[in-house]
Amino acid sequence: MTPQMVVGIGREALTVILMVSGPMLMFGLIIGLVISIFQAITQINEMTLTFVPKILAVAVALLIFLPWMINMLLDFTRHMYDLIPGLAG
């Protein structure tokens, strides 16, 4: 196993991690921003107001993107298994 191969595997793993976690993080970020703007406009300073909508938004994103996320992770896992025979030499 060459250093370039290790770096390539690491880069691919980080890319998959970012792509899989991205939709949930974006939903949480957008909802958090909308609630923050709403709080600034209405001057409601309730700290717990942001938690429930963010949790719901992340859960909805998980439900929407779960099949795609599973396919991404399965493709990455298959690719890693395909690399195993080349590691012996």
N, C-alpha and C. Protein backbone atom coordinates (compact mmCIF):
# COMPACT_ATOMS: atom_id res chain seq x y z
N MET A 1 0.86 -1.18 0.00
CA MET A 1 0.00 0.00 0.00
C MET A 1 0.90 1.23 0.00
N THR A 2 0.72 2.04 -1.00
CA THR A 2 1.56 3.22 -1.14
C THR A 2 0.95 4.40 -0.38
N PRO A 3 1.78 5.37 -0.06
CA PRO A 3 1.24 6.57 0.62
C PRO A 3 0.17 7.29 -0.21
N GLN A 4 0.32 7.27 -1.55
CA GLN A 4 -0.68 7.91 -2.39
C GLN A 4 -2.03 7.20 -2.28
N MET A 5 -1.99 5.88 -2.13
CA MET A 5 -3.22 5.11 -1.99
C MET A 5 -3.91 5.45 -0.66
N VAL A 6 -3.12 5.58 0.39
CA VAL A 6 -3.69 5.93 1.70
C VAL A 6 -4.32 7.32 1.65
N VAL A 7 -3.64 8.26 1.03
CA VAL A 7 -4.17 9.61 0.91
C VAL A 7 -5.44 9.61 0.06
N GLY A 8 -5.45 8.83 -1.01
CA GLY A 8 -6.65 8.74 -1.85
C GLY A 8 -7.83 8.15 -1.10
N ILE A 9 -7.59 7.11 -0.32
CA ILE A 9 -8.67 6.51 0.48
C ILE A 9 -9.17 7.50 1.52
N GLY A 10 -8.26 8.20 2.17
CA GLY A 10 -8.65 9.21 3.16
C GLY A 10 -9.45 10.33 2.53
N ARG A 11 -9.03 10.79 1.36
CA ARG A 11 -9.75 11.85 0.66
C ARG A 11 -11.15 11.39 0.28
N GLU A 12 -11.24 10.16 -0.22
CA GLU A 12 -12.56 9.64 -0.60
C GLU A 12 -13.46 9.48 0.62
N ALA A 13 -12.88 9.02 1.74
CA ALA A 13 -13.67 8.87 2.97
C ALA A 13 -14.19 10.22 3.46
N LEU A 14 -13.36 11.24 3.44
CA LEU A 14 -13.79 12.57 3.86
C LEU A 14 -14.86 13.14 2.94
N THR A 15 -14.72 12.89 1.64
CA THR A 15 -15.73 13.35 0.69
C THR A 15 -17.07 12.69 0.96
N VAL A 16 -17.05 11.38 1.20
CA VAL A 16 -18.29 10.66 1.49
C VAL A 16 -18.92 11.17 2.78
N ILE A 17 -18.10 11.39 3.80
CA ILE A 17 -18.61 11.89 5.08
C ILE A 17 -19.28 13.25 4.89
N LEU A 18 -18.64 14.15 4.16
CA LEU A 18 -19.21 15.48 3.93
C LEU A 18 -20.49 15.42 3.11
N MET A 19 -20.52 14.55 2.11
CA MET A 19 -21.72 14.45 1.28
C MET A 19 -22.88 13.83 2.05
N VAL A 20 -22.60 12.86 2.91
CA VAL A 20 -23.66 12.20 3.67
C VAL A 20 -24.20 13.12 4.76
N SER A 21 -23.34 13.86 5.42
CA SER A 21 -23.80 14.72 6.51
C SER A 21 -24.30 16.08 6.02
N GLY A 22 -23.97 16.46 4.81
CA GLY A 22 -24.32 17.77 4.28
C GLY A 22 -25.80 18.13 4.30
N PRO A 23 -26.68 17.26 3.78
CA PRO A 23 -28.10 17.65 3.76
C PRO A 23 -28.68 17.91 5.15
N MET A 24 -28.34 17.10 6.12
CA MET A 24 -28.86 17.31 7.47
C MET A 24 -28.31 18.60 8.08
N LEU A 25 -27.02 18.85 7.86
CA LEU A 25 -26.43 20.08 8.39
C LEU A 25 -27.03 21.31 7.73
N MET A 26 -27.29 21.24 6.43
CA MET A 26 -27.87 22.38 5.73
C MET A 26 -29.29 22.66 6.20
N PHE A 27 -30.09 21.60 6.40
CA PHE A 27 -31.45 21.81 6.90
C PHE A 27 -31.41 22.47 8.28
N GLY A 28 -30.54 21.98 9.16
CA GLY A 28 -30.41 22.57 10.49
C GLY A 28 -29.93 24.00 10.44
N LEU A 29 -28.99 24.29 9.54
CA LEU A 29 -28.46 25.65 9.40
C LEU A 29 -29.54 26.61 8.91
N ILE A 30 -30.29 26.20 7.91
CA ILE A 30 -31.33 27.08 7.35
C ILE A 30 -32.42 27.35 8.38
N ILE A 31 -32.88 26.30 9.07
CA ILE A 31 -33.91 26.50 10.10
C ILE A 31 -33.38 27.38 11.23
N GLY A 32 -32.16 27.16 11.64
CA GLY A 32 -31.56 27.99 12.69
C GLY A 32 -31.46 29.44 12.29
N LEU A 33 -31.10 29.69 11.03
CA LEU A 33 -31.01 31.06 10.54
C LEU A 33 -32.38 31.72 10.50
N VAL A 34 -33.39 31.00 10.02
CA VAL A 34 -34.74 31.56 9.96
C VAL A 34 -35.25 31.88 11.36
N ILE A 35 -35.02 30.99 12.30
CA ILE A 35 -35.49 31.23 13.68
C ILE A 35 -34.72 32.37 14.32
N SER A 36 -33.44 32.48 14.03
CA SER A 36 -32.65 33.59 14.57
C SER A 36 -33.15 34.93 14.04
N ILE A 37 -33.46 34.98 12.75
CA ILE A 37 -34.00 36.21 12.18
C ILE A 37 -35.35 36.53 12.81
N PHE A 38 -36.20 35.51 12.98
CA PHE A 38 -37.51 35.70 13.62
C PHE A 38 -37.34 36.23 15.05
N GLN A 39 -36.38 35.67 15.79
CA GLN A 39 -36.15 36.14 17.16
C GLN A 39 -35.63 37.56 17.19
N ALA A 40 -34.79 37.91 16.22
CA ALA A 40 -34.26 39.28 16.17
C ALA A 40 -35.37 40.28 15.83
N ILE A 41 -36.27 39.89 14.95
CA ILE A 41 -37.35 40.79 14.56
C ILE A 41 -38.34 40.98 15.70
N THR A 42 -38.70 39.88 16.36
CA THR A 42 -39.73 39.96 17.41
C THR A 42 -39.14 40.22 18.79
N GLN A 43 -37.84 40.20 18.92
CA GLN A 43 -37.13 40.39 20.19
C GLN A 43 -37.52 39.35 21.24
N ILE A 44 -37.83 38.15 20.77
CA ILE A 44 -38.06 37.03 21.68
C ILE A 44 -36.71 36.36 21.91
N ASN A 45 -36.24 36.34 23.13
CA ASN A 45 -34.92 35.79 23.43
C ASN A 45 -35.03 34.46 24.17
N GLU A 46 -35.86 33.59 23.69
CA GLU A 46 -36.01 32.27 24.30
C GLU A 46 -35.00 31.32 23.67
N MET A 47 -34.09 30.82 24.48
CA MET A 47 -33.01 29.97 23.97
C MET A 47 -33.52 28.60 23.50
N THR A 48 -34.57 28.09 24.14
CA THR A 48 -35.04 26.76 23.80
C THR A 48 -35.91 26.74 22.55
N LEU A 49 -36.26 27.90 22.01
CA LEU A 49 -37.11 27.99 20.83
C LEU A 49 -36.44 27.37 19.60
N THR A 50 -35.14 27.36 19.54
CA THR A 50 -34.44 26.88 18.36
C THR A 50 -34.27 25.37 18.32
N PHE A 51 -34.29 24.70 19.46
CA PHE A 51 -33.93 23.29 19.50
C PHE A 51 -34.94 22.39 18.81
N VAL A 52 -36.21 22.52 19.12
CA VAL A 52 -37.23 21.61 18.56
C VAL A 52 -37.33 21.74 17.04
N PRO A 53 -37.42 22.95 16.49
CA PRO A 53 -37.47 23.03 15.01
C PRO A 53 -36.23 22.47 14.33
N LYS A 54 -35.05 22.68 14.92
CA LYS A 54 -33.83 22.13 14.33
C LYS A 54 -33.85 20.61 14.36
N ILE A 55 -34.27 20.03 15.47
CA ILE A 55 -34.34 18.58 15.57
C ILE A 55 -35.33 18.03 14.55
N LEU A 56 -36.47 18.69 14.41
CA LEU A 56 -37.45 18.25 13.42
C LEU A 56 -36.92 18.39 11.99
N ALA A 57 -36.23 19.47 11.72
CA ALA A 57 -35.68 19.68 10.38
C ALA A 57 -34.63 18.62 10.04
N VAL A 58 -33.78 18.30 11.00
CA VAL A 58 -32.76 17.26 10.76
C VAL A 58 -33.43 15.90 10.59
N ALA A 59 -34.48 15.63 11.35
CA ALA A 59 -35.19 14.36 11.20
C ALA A 59 -35.86 14.27 9.82
N VAL A 60 -36.44 15.36 9.36
CA VAL A 60 -37.06 15.37 8.03
C VAL A 60 -36.00 15.17 6.95
N ALA A 61 -34.86 15.85 7.10
CA ALA A 61 -33.77 15.68 6.13
C ALA A 61 -33.28 14.24 6.13
N LEU A 62 -33.21 13.64 7.29
CA LEU A 62 -32.78 12.24 7.38
C LEU A 62 -33.76 11.33 6.66
N LEU A 63 -35.05 11.56 6.85
CA LEU A 63 -36.06 10.74 6.17
C LEU A 63 -36.01 10.93 4.66
N ILE A 64 -35.80 12.15 4.22
CA ILE A 64 -35.78 12.43 2.78
C ILE A 64 -34.53 11.84 2.12
N PHE A 65 -33.38 12.03 2.73
CA PHE A 65 -32.12 11.67 2.11
C PHE A 65 -31.57 10.31 2.53
N LEU A 66 -32.27 9.57 3.37
CA LEU A 66 -31.74 8.29 3.87
C LEU A 66 -31.45 7.29 2.76
N PRO A 67 -32.32 7.08 1.78
CA PRO A 67 -31.96 6.11 0.72
C PRO A 67 -30.69 6.51 -0.04
N TRP A 68 -30.57 7.78 -0.34
CA TRP A 68 -29.37 8.26 -1.04
C TRP A 68 -28.13 8.09 -0.17
N MET A 69 -28.25 8.38 1.11
CA MET A 69 -27.13 8.24 2.03
C MET A 69 -26.68 6.78 2.14
N ILE A 70 -27.64 5.88 2.22
CA ILE A 70 -27.31 4.46 2.31
C ILE A 70 -26.59 4.00 1.04
N ASN A 71 -27.08 4.45 -0.12
CA ASN A 71 -26.41 4.09 -1.38
C ASN A 71 -24.98 4.63 -1.44
N MET A 72 -24.78 5.86 -0.97
CA MET A 72 -23.42 6.42 -0.95
C MET A 72 -22.49 5.59 -0.07
N LEU A 73 -22.97 5.24 1.12
CA LEU A 73 -22.15 4.46 2.04
C LEU A 73 -21.90 3.05 1.53
N LEU A 74 -22.90 2.45 0.90
CA LEU A 74 -22.71 1.11 0.34
C LEU A 74 -21.72 1.14 -0.82
N ASP A 75 -21.80 2.14 -1.67
CA ASP A 75 -20.84 2.26 -2.77
C ASP A 75 -19.41 2.42 -2.24
N PHE A 76 -19.26 3.24 -1.23
CA PHE A 76 -17.93 3.43 -0.63
C PHE A 76 -17.43 2.13 -0.01
N THR A 77 -18.30 1.41 0.69
CA THR A 77 -17.90 0.15 1.31
C THR A 77 -17.52 -0.89 0.26
N ARG A 78 -18.30 -0.98 -0.81
CA ARG A 78 -17.96 -1.91 -1.91
C ARG A 78 -16.62 -1.55 -2.52
N HIS A 79 -16.37 -0.26 -2.70
CA HIS A 79 -15.09 0.18 -3.25
C HIS A 79 -13.94 -0.22 -2.32
N MET A 80 -14.13 -0.09 -1.02
CA MET A 80 -13.09 -0.47 -0.07
C MET A 80 -12.85 -1.99 -0.11
N TYR A 81 -13.92 -2.77 -0.22
CA TYR A 81 -13.77 -4.22 -0.33
C TYR A 81 -13.07 -4.61 -1.64
N ASP A 82 -13.32 -3.87 -2.69
CA ASP A 82 -12.65 -4.15 -3.97
C ASP A 82 -11.15 -3.87 -3.89
N LEU A 83 -10.74 -3.00 -2.99
CA LEU A 83 -9.32 -2.68 -2.84
C LEU A 83 -8.54 -3.73 -2.04
N ILE A 84 -9.23 -4.59 -1.30
CA ILE A 84 -8.56 -5.54 -0.41
C ILE A 84 -7.59 -6.47 -1.15
N PRO A 85 -7.94 -7.05 -2.31
CA PRO A 85 -6.97 -7.94 -2.97
C PRO A 85 -5.67 -7.22 -3.36
N GLY A 86 -5.73 -5.96 -3.66
CA GLY A 86 -4.53 -5.21 -4.02
C GLY A 86 -3.63 -4.88 -2.85
N LEU A 87 -4.10 -5.06 -1.63
CA LEU A 87 -3.31 -4.73 -0.45
C LEU A 87 -2.32 -5.83 -0.09
N ALA A 88 -2.54 -7.04 -0.59
CA ALA A 88 -1.69 -8.18 -0.21
C ALA A 88 -0.29 -8.03 -0.75
N GLY A 89 -0.14 -7.39 -1.87
CA GLY A 89 1.18 -7.33 -2.52
C GLY A 89 1.94 -6.18 -2.07
